[in-house]
Amino acid sequence: MSETRTRADKDAIVLPVKRTDGVTLEERLTKNAYQNILPARYLRKDAKGEIVEPPEKLFRRIANNIAL
């Protein structure tokens, strides 16, 4: 078997390891998701654009709306 890598191998997407053993939400999410994506896109903000809910409350809010 050849040791050379194909172009498809070089361009393959590498996904982060799924974290399921963390106790807190911050431990279970990637650093990028917790510190950048959630605040920029999903956390509630006030009129000044300042975040007014922690990430843990975001998931509770979503779960409550799905349960309706």
C-alpha atoms as a PDB file:
ATOM      1  CA  MET A   1       0.000   0.000   0.000  1.00  0.00           C
ATOM      2  CA  SER A   2       1.308   3.441  -0.880  1.00  0.00           C
ATOM      3  CA  GLU A   3       2.125   5.969   1.834  1.00  0.00           C
ATOM      4  CA  THR A   4       1.250   8.919  -0.405  1.00  0.00           C
ATOM      5  CA  ARG A   5      -1.837  10.886   0.487  1.00  0.00           C
ATOM      6  CA  THR A   6      -4.433  11.684  -2.109  1.00  0.00           C
ATOM      7  CA  ARG A   7      -5.738  15.186  -2.665  1.00  0.00           C
ATOM      8  CA  ALA A   8      -9.024  14.160  -1.043  1.00  0.00           C
ATOM      9  CA  ASP A   9      -7.125  13.139   2.096  1.00  0.00           C
ATOM     10  CA  LYS A  10      -5.320  16.480   2.249  1.00  0.00           C
ATOM     11  CA  ASP A  11      -8.561  18.444   1.795  1.00  0.00           C
ATOM     12  CA  ALA A  12     -10.574  16.327   4.231  1.00  0.00           C
ATOM     13  CA  ILE A  13     -12.428  18.198   6.919  1.00  0.00           C
ATOM     14  CA  VAL A  14     -11.272  17.424  10.432  1.00  0.00           C
ATOM     15  CA  LEU A  15     -14.034  17.767  13.005  1.00  0.00           C
ATOM     16  CA  PRO A  16     -13.293  18.465  16.665  1.00  0.00           C
ATOM     17  CA  VAL A  17     -13.733  15.579  19.069  1.00  0.00           C
ATOM     18  CA  LYS A  18     -17.241  15.521  20.535  1.00  0.00           C
ATOM     19  CA  ARG A  19     -17.077  16.303  24.226  1.00  0.00           C
ATOM     20  CA  THR A  20     -19.578  14.377  26.315  1.00  0.00           C
ATOM     21  CA  ASP A  21     -17.798  14.048  29.632  1.00  0.00           C
ATOM     22  CA  GLY A  22     -17.754  17.677  30.723  1.00  0.00           C
ATOM     23  CA  VAL A  23     -19.764  18.777  33.716  1.00  0.00           C
ATOM     24  CA  THR A  24     -20.367  22.373  32.667  1.00  0.00           C
ATOM     25  CA  LEU A  25     -21.591  23.718  29.359  1.00  0.00           C
ATOM     26  CA  GLU A  26     -18.252  25.445  28.822  1.00  0.00           C
ATOM     27  CA  GLU A  27     -16.444  22.107  29.171  1.00  0.00           C
ATOM     28  CA  ARG A  28     -18.764  20.415  26.660  1.00  0.00           C
ATOM     29  CA  LEU A  29     -18.602  23.056  23.920  1.00  0.00           C
ATOM     30  CA  THR A  30     -15.552  24.039  21.934  1.00  0.00           C
ATOM     31  CA  LYS A  31     -13.802  27.223  23.014  1.00  0.00           C
ATOM     32  CA  ASN A  32     -14.847  28.884  19.742  1.00  0.00           C
ATOM     33  CA  ALA A  33     -18.506  27.961  20.206  1.00  0.00           C
ATOM     34  CA  TYR A  34     -18.662  29.099  23.826  1.00  0.00           C
ATOM     35  CA  GLN A  35     -16.657  32.317  23.546  1.00  0.00           C
ATOM     36  CA  ASN A  36     -17.435  33.487  20.005  1.00  0.00           C
ATOM     37  CA  ILE A  37     -20.398  31.866  18.270  1.00  0.00           C
ATOM     38  CA  LEU A  38     -22.934  31.863  21.115  1.00  0.00           C
ATOM     39  CA  PRO A  39     -22.337  35.503  22.118  1.00  0.00           C
ATOM     40  CA  ALA A  40     -22.254  36.777  18.542  1.00  0.00           C
ATOM     41  CA  ARG A  41     -25.334  34.969  17.265  1.00  0.00           C
ATOM     42  CA  TYR A  42     -27.583  33.482  19.908  1.00  0.00           C
ATOM     43  CA  LEU A  43     -27.335  35.095  23.340  1.00  0.00           C
ATOM     44  CA  ARG A  44     -29.915  37.769  24.114  1.00  0.00           C
ATOM     45  CA  LYS A  45     -28.662  41.323  24.047  1.00  0.00           C
ATOM     46  CA  ASP A  46     -30.114  44.583  25.356  1.00  0.00           C
ATOM     47  CA  ALA A  47     -30.690  47.747  23.314  1.00  0.00           C
ATOM     48  CA  LYS A  48     -27.008  48.652  23.674  1.00  0.00           C
ATOM     49  CA  GLY A  49     -25.930  45.284  22.271  1.00  0.00           C
ATOM     50  CA  GLU A  50     -24.630  43.997  25.596  1.00  0.00           C
ATOM     51  CA  ILE A  51     -25.233  40.346  26.453  1.00  0.00           C
ATOM     52  CA  VAL A  52     -27.959  39.913  29.081  1.00  0.00           C
ATOM     53  CA  GLU A  53     -28.141  36.103  29.347  1.00  0.00           C
ATOM     54  CA  PRO A  54     -25.490  33.479  30.065  1.00  0.00           C
ATOM     55  CA  PRO A  55     -25.114  30.547  27.658  1.00  0.00           C
ATOM     56  CA  GLU A  56     -26.723  28.160  30.169  1.00  0.00           C
ATOM     57  CA  LYS A  57     -29.949  30.190  30.109  1.00  0.00           C
ATOM     58  CA  LEU A  58     -29.923  30.189  26.309  1.00  0.00           C
ATOM     59  CA  PHE A  59     -30.378  26.421  26.248  1.00  0.00           C
ATOM     60  CA  ARG A  60     -33.141  26.582  28.878  1.00  0.00           C
ATOM     61  CA  ARG A  61     -34.933  29.255  26.802  1.00  0.00           C
ATOM     62  CA  ILE A  62     -34.690  27.137  23.666  1.00  0.00           C
ATOM     63  CA  ALA A  63     -35.891  24.002  25.473  1.00  0.00           C
ATOM     64  CA  ASN A  64     -38.891  25.866  26.899  1.00  0.00           C
ATOM     65  CA  ASN A  65     -39.867  27.144  23.458  1.00  0.00           C
ATOM     66  CA  ILE A  66     -39.544  23.708  21.884  1.00  0.00           C
ATOM     67  CA  ALA A  67     -41.696  22.212  24.650  1.00  0.00           C
ATOM     68  CA  LEU A  68     -44.569  24.612  23.961  1.00  0.00           C
END
